[in-house]
Amino acid sequence: QRLRGEGVETSVSQVAVHFDDASAWDAKAITL
C-alpha cells in the first residue's frame, strides 16, 4: 500500500520475493 502511494505498481507476491529489500525501504534503511 505504501509503495502504491509512491506510484509503484507491483503485487504482494513481488513484495514477498523482494521482502528484505522492501522491508529495508519501509524502515528507511534504503531509498526508493
Full PDB file with SEQRES, HELIX, SHEET, SSBOND, CRYST1, ORIGX, SCALE, CONECT and MASTER records, all heavy atoms in Angstrom:
SEQRES   1 A   32  GLN ARG LEU ARG GLY GLU GLY VAL GLU THR SER VAL SER          
SEQRES   2 A   32  GLN VAL ALA VAL HIS PHE ASP ASP ALA SER ALA TRP ASP          
SEQRES   3 A   32  ALA LYS ALA ILE THR LEU                                      
HELIX    1 AA1 ARG A    2  GLY A    5  1                                   4    
HELIX    2 AA2 VAL A   12  VAL A   17  1                                   6    
HELIX    3 AA3 PHE A   19  ASP A   26  1                                   8    
CRYST1    1.000    1.000    1.000  90.00  90.00  90.00 P 1           1          
ORIGX1      1.000000  0.000000  0.000000        0.00000                         
ORIGX2      0.000000  1.000000  0.000000        0.00000                         
ORIGX3      0.000000  0.000000  1.000000        0.00000                         
SCALE1      1.000000  0.000000  0.000000        0.00000                         
SCALE2      0.000000  1.000000  0.000000        0.00000                         
SCALE3      0.000000  0.000000  1.000000        0.00000                         
ATOM      1  N   GLN A   1       0.827  -1.210   0.000  1.00  0.00           N  
ATOM      2  CA  GLN A   1       0.000   0.000   0.000  1.00  0.00           C  
ATOM      3  C   GLN A   1       0.863   1.262   0.000  1.00  0.00           C  
ATOM      4  O   GLN A   1       0.565   2.227  -0.712  1.00  0.00           O  
ATOM      5  CB  GLN A   1      -0.964   0.000   1.188  1.00  0.00           C  
ATOM      6  CG  GLN A   1      -2.008  -1.093   1.123  1.00  0.00           C  
ATOM      7  CD  GLN A   1      -2.750  -1.125  -0.203  1.00  0.00           C  
ATOM      8  OE1 GLN A   1      -3.233  -0.111  -0.686  1.00  0.00           O  
ATOM      9  NE2 GLN A   1      -2.837  -2.301  -0.803  1.00  0.00           N  
ATOM     10  N   ARG A   2       1.932   1.254   0.782  1.00  0.00           N  
ATOM     11  CA  ARG A   2       2.819   2.428   0.820  1.00  0.00           C  
ATOM     12  C   ARG A   2       3.549   2.597  -0.514  1.00  0.00           C  
ATOM     13  O   ARG A   2       3.750   3.721  -0.988  1.00  0.00           O  
ATOM     14  CB  ARG A   2       3.780   2.333   2.002  1.00  0.00           C  
ATOM     15  CG  ARG A   2       3.062   2.569   3.346  1.00  0.00           C  
ATOM     16  CD  ARG A   2       3.987   2.564   4.526  1.00  0.00           C  
ATOM     17  NE  ARG A   2       4.440   1.245   4.924  1.00  0.00           N  
ATOM     18  CZ  ARG A   2       3.692   0.338   5.572  1.00  0.00           C  
ATOM     19  NH1 ARG A   2       2.436   0.598   5.879  1.00  0.00           N  
ATOM     20  NH2 ARG A   2       4.199  -0.831   5.921  1.00  0.00           N  
ATOM     21  N   LEU A   3       3.933   1.492  -1.142  1.00  0.00           N  
ATOM     22  CA  LEU A   3       4.566   1.568  -2.457  1.00  0.00           C  
ATOM     23  C   LEU A   3       3.600   2.158  -3.479  1.00  0.00           C  
ATOM     24  O   LEU A   3       3.981   3.001  -4.289  1.00  0.00           O  
ATOM     25  CB  LEU A   3       5.040   0.187  -2.914  1.00  0.00           C  
ATOM     26  CG  LEU A   3       6.306  -0.335  -2.261  1.00  0.00           C  
ATOM     27  CD1 LEU A   3       6.489  -1.819  -2.569  1.00  0.00           C  
ATOM     28  CD2 LEU A   3       7.519   0.455  -2.719  1.00  0.00           C  
ATOM     29  N   ARG A   4       2.358   1.719  -3.432  1.00  0.00           N  
ATOM     30  CA  ARG A   4       1.362   2.251  -4.367  1.00  0.00           C  
ATOM     31  C   ARG A   4       1.163   3.737  -4.145  1.00  0.00           C  
ATOM     32  O   ARG A   4       0.952   4.492  -5.094  1.00  0.00           O  
ATOM     33  CB  ARG A   4       0.054   1.484  -4.234  1.00  0.00           C  
ATOM     34  CG  ARG A   4       0.167   0.100  -4.840  1.00  0.00           C  
ATOM     35  CD  ARG A   4      -1.125  -0.652  -4.811  1.00  0.00           C  
ATOM     36  NE  ARG A   4      -0.973  -1.925  -5.496  1.00  0.00           N  
ATOM     37  CZ  ARG A   4      -1.815  -2.932  -5.374  1.00  0.00           C  
ATOM     38  NH1 ARG A   4      -2.876  -2.823  -4.602  1.00  0.00           N  
ATOM     39  NH2 ARG A   4      -1.596  -4.045  -6.025  1.00  0.00           N  
ATOM     40  N   GLY A   5       1.253   4.168  -2.891  1.00  0.00           N  
ATOM     41  CA  GLY A   5       1.166   5.590  -2.583  1.00  0.00           C  
ATOM     42  C   GLY A   5       2.322   6.378  -3.178  1.00  0.00           C  
ATOM     43  O   GLY A   5       2.219   7.585  -3.408  1.00  0.00           O  
ATOM     44  N   GLU A   6       3.417   5.704  -3.446  1.00  0.00           N  
ATOM     45  CA  GLU A   6       4.586   6.332  -4.069  1.00  0.00           C  
ATOM     46  C   GLU A   6       4.581   6.185  -5.590  1.00  0.00           C  
ATOM     47  O   GLU A   6       5.536   6.551  -6.258  1.00  0.00           O  
ATOM     48  CB  GLU A   6       5.877   5.701  -3.515  1.00  0.00           C  
ATOM     49  CG  GLU A   6       6.124   6.002  -2.055  1.00  0.00           C  
ATOM     50  CD  GLU A   6       6.461   7.461  -1.805  1.00  0.00           C  
ATOM     51  OE1 GLU A   6       7.023   8.122  -2.705  1.00  0.00           O  
ATOM     52  OE2 GLU A   6       6.157   7.949  -0.710  1.00  0.00           O  
ATOM     53  N   GLY A   7       3.502   5.603  -6.126  1.00  0.00           N  
ATOM     54  CA  GLY A   7       3.404   5.444  -7.577  1.00  0.00           C  
ATOM     55  C   GLY A   7       4.038   4.180  -8.107  1.00  0.00           C  
ATOM     56  O   GLY A   7       4.238   4.042  -9.311  1.00  0.00           O  
ATOM     57  N   VAL A   8       4.350   3.233  -7.231  1.00  0.00           N  
ATOM     58  CA  VAL A   8       4.967   1.971  -7.651  1.00  0.00           C  
ATOM     59  C   VAL A   8       3.865   0.926  -7.757  1.00  0.00           C  
ATOM     60  O   VAL A   8       3.194   0.624  -6.776  1.00  0.00           O  
ATOM     61  CB  VAL A   8       6.042   1.500  -6.650  1.00  0.00           C  
ATOM     62  CG1 VAL A   8       6.634   0.162  -7.088  1.00  0.00           C  
ATOM     63  CG2 VAL A   8       7.127   2.550  -6.505  1.00  0.00           C  
ATOM     64  N   GLU A   9       3.672   0.409  -8.955  1.00  0.00           N  
ATOM     65  CA  GLU A   9       2.674  -0.646  -9.150  1.00  0.00           C  
ATOM     66  C   GLU A   9       3.379  -1.994  -9.154  1.00  0.00           C  
ATOM     67  O   GLU A   9       4.149  -2.305 -10.051  1.00  0.00           O  
ATOM     68  CB  GLU A   9       1.907  -0.436 -10.459  1.00  0.00           C  
ATOM     69  CG  GLU A   9       0.873   0.652 -10.374  1.00  0.00           C  
ATOM     70  CD  GLU A   9      -0.193   0.406  -9.305  1.00  0.00           C  
ATOM     71  OE1 GLU A   9      -0.657  -0.734  -9.157  1.00  0.00           O  
ATOM     72  OE2 GLU A   9      -0.544   1.373  -8.614  1.00  0.00           O  
ATOM     73  N   THR A  10       3.115  -2.764  -8.144  1.00  0.00           N  
ATOM     74  CA  THR A  10       3.658  -4.104  -8.037  1.00  0.00           C  
ATOM     75  C   THR A  10       2.602  -4.954  -7.361  1.00  0.00           C  
ATOM     76  O   THR A  10       1.470  -4.523  -7.187  1.00  0.00           O  
ATOM     77  CB  THR A  10       5.013  -4.105  -7.289  1.00  0.00           C  
ATOM     78  OG1 THR A  10       5.607  -5.409  -7.408  1.00  0.00           O  
ATOM     79  CG2 THR A  10       4.877  -3.698  -5.843  1.00  0.00           C  
ATOM     80  N   SER A  11       2.947  -6.147  -6.968  1.00  0.00           N  
ATOM     81  CA  SER A  11       1.985  -7.046  -6.333  1.00  0.00           C  
ATOM     82  C   SER A  11       2.540  -7.517  -4.998  1.00  0.00           C  
ATOM     83  O   SER A  11       3.735  -7.419  -4.729  1.00  0.00           O  
ATOM     84  CB  SER A  11       1.730  -8.260  -7.230  1.00  0.00           C  
ATOM     85  OG  SER A  11       2.929  -9.020  -7.352  1.00  0.00           O  
ATOM     86  N   VAL A  12       1.661  -8.035  -4.177  1.00  0.00           N  
ATOM     87  CA  VAL A  12       2.105  -8.534  -2.878  1.00  0.00           C  
ATOM     88  C   VAL A  12       3.049  -9.726  -3.055  1.00  0.00           C  
ATOM     89  O   VAL A  12       3.967  -9.912  -2.260  1.00  0.00           O  
ATOM     90  CB  VAL A  12       0.905  -8.857  -1.956  1.00  0.00           C  
ATOM     91  CG1 VAL A  12       0.183 -10.129  -2.383  1.00  0.00           C  
ATOM     92  CG2 VAL A  12       1.346  -8.962  -0.500  1.00  0.00           C  
ATOM     93  N   SER A  13       2.855 -10.494  -4.107  1.00  0.00           N  
ATOM     94  CA  SER A  13       3.765 -11.618  -4.338  1.00  0.00           C  
ATOM     95  C   SER A  13       5.167 -11.115  -4.682  1.00  0.00           C  
ATOM     96  O   SER A  13       6.170 -11.710  -4.272  1.00  0.00           O  
ATOM     97  CB  SER A  13       3.241 -12.558  -5.419  1.00  0.00           C  
ATOM     98  OG  SER A  13       3.140 -11.899  -6.657  1.00  0.00           O  
ATOM     99  N   GLN A  14       5.254  -9.995  -5.410  1.00  0.00           N  
ATOM    100  CA  GLN A  14       6.561  -9.419  -5.715  1.00  0.00           C  
ATOM    101  C   GLN A  14       7.191  -8.776  -4.485  1.00  0.00           C  
ATOM    102  O   GLN A  14       8.407  -8.806  -4.315  1.00  0.00           O  
ATOM    103  CB  GLN A  14       6.450  -8.409  -6.859  1.00  0.00           C  
ATOM    104  CG  GLN A  14       6.366  -9.055  -8.212  1.00  0.00           C  
ATOM    105  CD  GLN A  14       7.603  -9.881  -8.494  1.00  0.00           C  
ATOM    106  OE1 GLN A  14       8.717  -9.377  -8.538  1.00  0.00           O  
ATOM    107  NE2 GLN A  14       7.405 -11.178  -8.683  1.00  0.00           N  
ATOM    108  N   VAL A  15       6.363  -8.200  -3.613  1.00  0.00           N  
ATOM    109  CA  VAL A  15       6.888  -7.676  -2.348  1.00  0.00           C  
ATOM    110  C   VAL A  15       7.487  -8.833  -1.547  1.00  0.00           C  
ATOM    111  O   VAL A  15       8.549  -8.698  -0.945  1.00  0.00           O  
ATOM    112  CB  VAL A  15       5.800  -6.932  -1.547  1.00  0.00           C  
ATOM    113  CG1 VAL A  15       6.297  -6.580  -0.145  1.00  0.00           C  
ATOM    114  CG2 VAL A  15       5.362  -5.676  -2.281  1.00  0.00           C  
ATOM    115  N   ALA A  16       6.826  -9.992  -1.575  1.00  0.00           N  
ATOM    116  CA  ALA A  16       7.348 -11.165  -0.869  1.00  0.00           C  
ATOM    117  C   ALA A  16       8.678 -11.618  -1.463  1.00  0.00           C  
ATOM    118  O   ALA A  16       9.623 -11.921  -0.721  1.00  0.00           O  
ATOM    119  CB  ALA A  16       6.331 -12.302  -0.904  1.00  0.00           C  
ATOM    120  N   VAL A  17       8.772 -11.640  -2.791  1.00  0.00           N  
ATOM    121  CA  VAL A  17      10.016 -12.046  -3.454  1.00  0.00           C  
ATOM    122  C   VAL A  17      11.169 -11.145  -3.032  1.00  0.00           C  
ATOM    123  O   VAL A  17      12.289 -11.598  -2.806  1.00  0.00           O  
ATOM    124  CB  VAL A  17       9.845 -12.046  -4.993  1.00  0.00           C  
ATOM    125  CG1 VAL A  17      11.185 -12.170  -5.694  1.00  0.00           C  
ATOM    126  CG2 VAL A  17       8.898 -13.153  -5.423  1.00  0.00           C  
ATOM    127  N   HIS A  18      10.888  -9.869  -2.893  1.00  0.00           N  
ATOM    128  CA  HIS A  18      11.902  -8.867  -2.533  1.00  0.00           C  
ATOM    129  C   HIS A  18      11.679  -8.359  -1.105  1.00  0.00           C  
ATOM    130  O   HIS A  18      11.919  -7.189  -0.810  1.00  0.00           O  
ATOM    131  CB  HIS A  18      11.858  -7.707  -3.520  1.00  0.00           C  
ATOM    132  CG  HIS A  18      12.105  -8.117  -4.935  1.00  0.00           C  
ATOM    133  ND1 HIS A  18      13.363  -8.407  -5.418  1.00  0.00           N  
ATOM    134  CD2 HIS A  18      11.243  -8.319  -5.970  1.00  0.00           C  
ATOM    135  CE1 HIS A  18      13.277  -8.756  -6.688  1.00  0.00           C  
ATOM    136  NE2 HIS A  18      12.000  -8.711  -7.049  1.00  0.00           N  
ATOM    137  N   PHE A  19      11.238  -9.260  -0.229  1.00  0.00           N  
ATOM    138  CA  PHE A  19      10.808  -8.865   1.103  1.00  0.00           C  
ATOM    139  C   PHE A  19      11.891  -8.130   1.890  1.00  0.00           C  
ATOM    140  O   PHE A  19      11.614  -7.113   2.531  1.00  0.00           O  
ATOM    141  CB  PHE A  19      10.318 -10.087   1.894  1.00  0.00           C  
ATOM    142  CG  PHE A  19       9.680  -9.736   3.192  1.00  0.00           C  
ATOM    143  CD1 PHE A  19       8.400  -9.202   3.231  1.00  0.00           C  
ATOM    144  CD2 PHE A  19      10.346  -9.920   4.389  1.00  0.00           C  
ATOM    145  CE1 PHE A  19       7.796  -8.858   4.423  1.00  0.00           C  
ATOM    146  CE2 PHE A  19       9.759  -9.576   5.597  1.00  0.00           C  
ATOM    147  CZ  PHE A  19       8.475  -9.051   5.616  1.00  0.00           C  
ATOM    148  N   ASP A  20      13.114  -8.621   1.857  1.00  0.00           N  
ATOM    149  CA  ASP A  20      14.185  -7.976   2.631  1.00  0.00           C  
ATOM    150  C   ASP A  20      14.427  -6.544   2.159  1.00  0.00           C  
ATOM    151  O   ASP A  20      14.531  -5.624   2.976  1.00  0.00           O  
ATOM    152  CB  ASP A  20      15.477  -8.791   2.569  1.00  0.00           C  
ATOM    153  CG  ASP A  20      15.365 -10.106   3.317  1.00  0.00           C  
ATOM    154  OD1 ASP A  20      14.473 -10.246   4.189  1.00  0.00           O  
ATOM    155  OD2 ASP A  20      16.176 -11.020   3.028  1.00  0.00           O  
ATOM    156  N   ASP A  21      14.506  -6.352   0.842  1.00  0.00           N  
ATOM    157  CA  ASP A  21      14.728  -5.006   0.316  1.00  0.00           C  
ATOM    158  C   ASP A  21      13.506  -4.115   0.564  1.00  0.00           C  
ATOM    159  O   ASP A  21      13.650  -2.938   0.920  1.00  0.00           O  
ATOM    160  CB  ASP A  21      15.044  -5.051  -1.178  1.00  0.00           C  
ATOM    161  CG  ASP A  21      16.457  -5.544  -1.454  1.00  0.00           C  
ATOM    162  OD1 ASP A  21      17.355  -5.298  -0.623  1.00  0.00           O  
ATOM    163  OD2 ASP A  21      16.657  -6.165  -2.516  1.00  0.00           O  
ATOM    164  N   ALA A  22      12.309  -4.669   0.377  1.00  0.00           N  
ATOM    165  CA  ALA A  22      11.096  -3.877   0.605  1.00  0.00           C  
ATOM    166  C   ALA A  22      10.991  -3.466   2.067  1.00  0.00           C  
ATOM    167  O   ALA A  22      10.630  -2.329   2.382  1.00  0.00           O  
ATOM    168  CB  ALA A  22       9.867  -4.670   0.172  1.00  0.00           C  
ATOM    169  N   SER A  23      11.340  -4.364   2.964  1.00  0.00           N  
ATOM    170  CA  SER A  23      11.319  -4.047   4.399  1.00  0.00           C  
ATOM    171  C   SER A  23      12.369  -2.996   4.739  1.00  0.00           C  
ATOM    172  O   SER A  23      12.124  -2.107   5.559  1.00  0.00           O  
ATOM    173  CB  SER A  23      11.559  -5.302   5.232  1.00  0.00           C  
ATOM    174  OG  SER A  23      10.488  -6.194   5.084  1.00  0.00           O  
ATOM    175  N   ALA A  24      13.530  -3.099   4.096  1.00  0.00           N  
ATOM    176  CA  ALA A  24      14.585  -2.106   4.322  1.00  0.00           C  
ATOM    177  C   ALA A  24      14.122  -0.727   3.861  1.00  0.00           C  
ATOM    178  O   ALA A  24      14.361   0.278   4.534  1.00  0.00           O  
ATOM    179  CB  ALA A  24      15.861  -2.522   3.598  1.00  0.00           C  
ATOM    180  N   TRP A  25      13.430  -0.665   2.714  1.00  0.00           N  
ATOM    181  CA  TRP A  25      12.891   0.612   2.246  1.00  0.00           C  
ATOM    182  C   TRP A  25      11.847   1.134   3.230  1.00  0.00           C  
ATOM    183  O   TRP A  25      11.870   2.315   3.588  1.00  0.00           O  
ATOM    184  CB  TRP A  25      12.272   0.464   0.853  1.00  0.00           C  
ATOM    185  CG  TRP A  25      11.460   1.660   0.481  1.00  0.00           C  
ATOM    186  CD1 TRP A  25      11.925   2.874   0.067  1.00  0.00           C  
ATOM    187  CD2 TRP A  25      10.036   1.796   0.555  1.00  0.00           C  
ATOM    188  NE1 TRP A  25      10.878   3.749  -0.136  1.00  0.00           N  
ATOM    189  CE2 TRP A  25       9.701   3.106   0.155  1.00  0.00           C  
ATOM    190  CE3 TRP A  25       9.007   0.927   0.913  1.00  0.00           C  
ATOM    191  CZ2 TRP A  25       8.400   3.564   0.097  1.00  0.00           C  
ATOM    192  CZ3 TRP A  25       7.701   1.376   0.851  1.00  0.00           C  
ATOM    193  CH2 TRP A  25       7.406   2.685   0.454  1.00  0.00           C  
ATOM    194  N   ASP A  26      10.969   0.254   3.682  1.00  0.00           N  
ATOM    195  CA  ASP A  26       9.908   0.666   4.596  1.00  0.00           C  
ATOM    196  C   ASP A  26      10.488   1.197   5.904  1.00  0.00           C  
ATOM    197  O   ASP A  26       9.927   2.103   6.510  1.00  0.00           O  
ATOM    198  CB  ASP A  26       8.976  -0.517   4.857  1.00  0.00           C  
ATOM    199  CG  ASP A  26       7.634  -0.093   5.400  1.00  0.00           C  
ATOM    200  OD1 ASP A  26       7.085   0.921   4.926  1.00  0.00           O  
ATOM    201  OD2 ASP A  26       7.134  -0.779   6.305  1.00  0.00           O  
ATOM    202  N   ALA A  27      11.630   0.657   6.316  1.00  0.00           N  
ATOM    203  CA  ALA A  27      12.299   1.106   7.545  1.00  0.00           C  
ATOM    204  C   ALA A  27      13.214   2.305   7.283  1.00  0.00           C  
ATOM    205  O   ALA A  27      13.924   2.753   8.181  1.00  0.00           O  
ATOM    206  CB  ALA A  27      13.100  -0.051   8.139  1.00  0.00           C  
ATOM    207  N   LYS A  28      13.201   2.782   6.039  1.00  0.00           N  
ATOM    208  CA  LYS A  28      14.013   3.928   5.623  1.00  0.00           C  
ATOM    209  C   LYS A  28      15.517   3.657   5.681  1.00  0.00           C  
ATOM    210  O   LYS A  28      16.325   4.558   5.799  1.00  0.00           O  
ATOM    211  CB  LYS A  28      13.649   5.179   6.413  1.00  0.00           C  
ATOM    212  CG  LYS A  28      12.194   5.573   6.234  1.00  0.00           C  
ATOM    213  CD  LYS A  28      11.874   6.886   6.855  1.00  0.00           C  
ATOM    214  CE  LYS A  28      10.439   7.315   6.765  1.00  0.00           C  
ATOM    215  NZ  LYS A  28       9.477   6.589   6.037  1.00  0.00           N  
ATOM    216  N   ALA A  29      15.872   2.368   5.574  1.00  0.00           N  
ATOM    217  CA  ALA A  29      17.285   1.985   5.543  1.00  0.00           C  
ATOM    218  C   ALA A  29      17.865   2.134   4.134  1.00  0.00           C  
ATOM    219  O   ALA A  29      19.078   2.263   3.972  1.00  0.00           O  
ATOM    220  CB  ALA A  29      17.460   0.553   6.036  1.00  0.00           C  
ATOM    221  N   ILE A  30      16.996   2.073   3.117  1.00  0.00           N  
ATOM    222  CA  ILE A  30      17.409   2.327   1.733  1.00  0.00           C  
ATOM    223  C   ILE A  30      16.393   3.273   1.106  1.00  0.00           C  
ATOM    224  O   ILE A  30      15.257   3.390   1.574  1.00  0.00           O  
ATOM    225  CB  ILE A  30      17.531   1.029   0.886  1.00  0.00           C  
ATOM    226  CG1 ILE A  30      16.174   0.312   0.761  1.00  0.00           C  
ATOM    227  CG2 ILE A  30      18.600   0.096   1.447  1.00  0.00           C  
ATOM    228  CD1 ILE A  30      16.175  -0.860  -0.207  1.00  0.00           C  
ATOM    229  N   THR A  31      16.804   3.941   0.049  1.00  0.00           N  
ATOM    230  CA  THR A  31      15.914   4.883  -0.634  1.00  0.00           C  
ATOM    231  C   THR A  31      14.989   4.140  -1.591  1.00  0.00           C  
ATOM    232  O   THR A  31      15.238   2.984  -1.958  1.00  0.00           O  
ATOM    233  CB  THR A  31      16.716   5.918  -1.436  1.00  0.00           C  
ATOM    234  OG1 THR A  31      17.412   5.222  -2.486  1.00  0.00           O  
ATOM    235  CG2 THR A  31      17.685   6.678  -0.554  1.00  0.00           C  
ATOM    236  N   LEU A  32      13.950   4.839  -2.018  1.00  0.00           N  
ATOM    237  CA  LEU A  32      13.054   4.261  -3.014  1.00  0.00           C  
ATOM    238  C   LEU A  32      13.817   3.990  -4.308  1.00  0.00           C  
ATOM    239  O   LEU A  32      13.608   2.948  -4.944  1.00  0.00           O  
ATOM    240  CB  LEU A  32      11.867   5.191  -3.270  1.00  0.00           C  
ATOM    241  CG  LEU A  32      10.824   4.695  -4.268  1.00  0.00           C  
ATOM    242  CD1 LEU A  32      10.230   3.357  -3.837  1.00  0.00           C  
ATOM    243  CD2 LEU A  32       9.727   5.729  -4.445  1.00  0.00           C  
TER     244      LEU A  32                                                      
MASTER        0    0    0    3    0    0    0    6  243    1    0    3          
END                                                                             
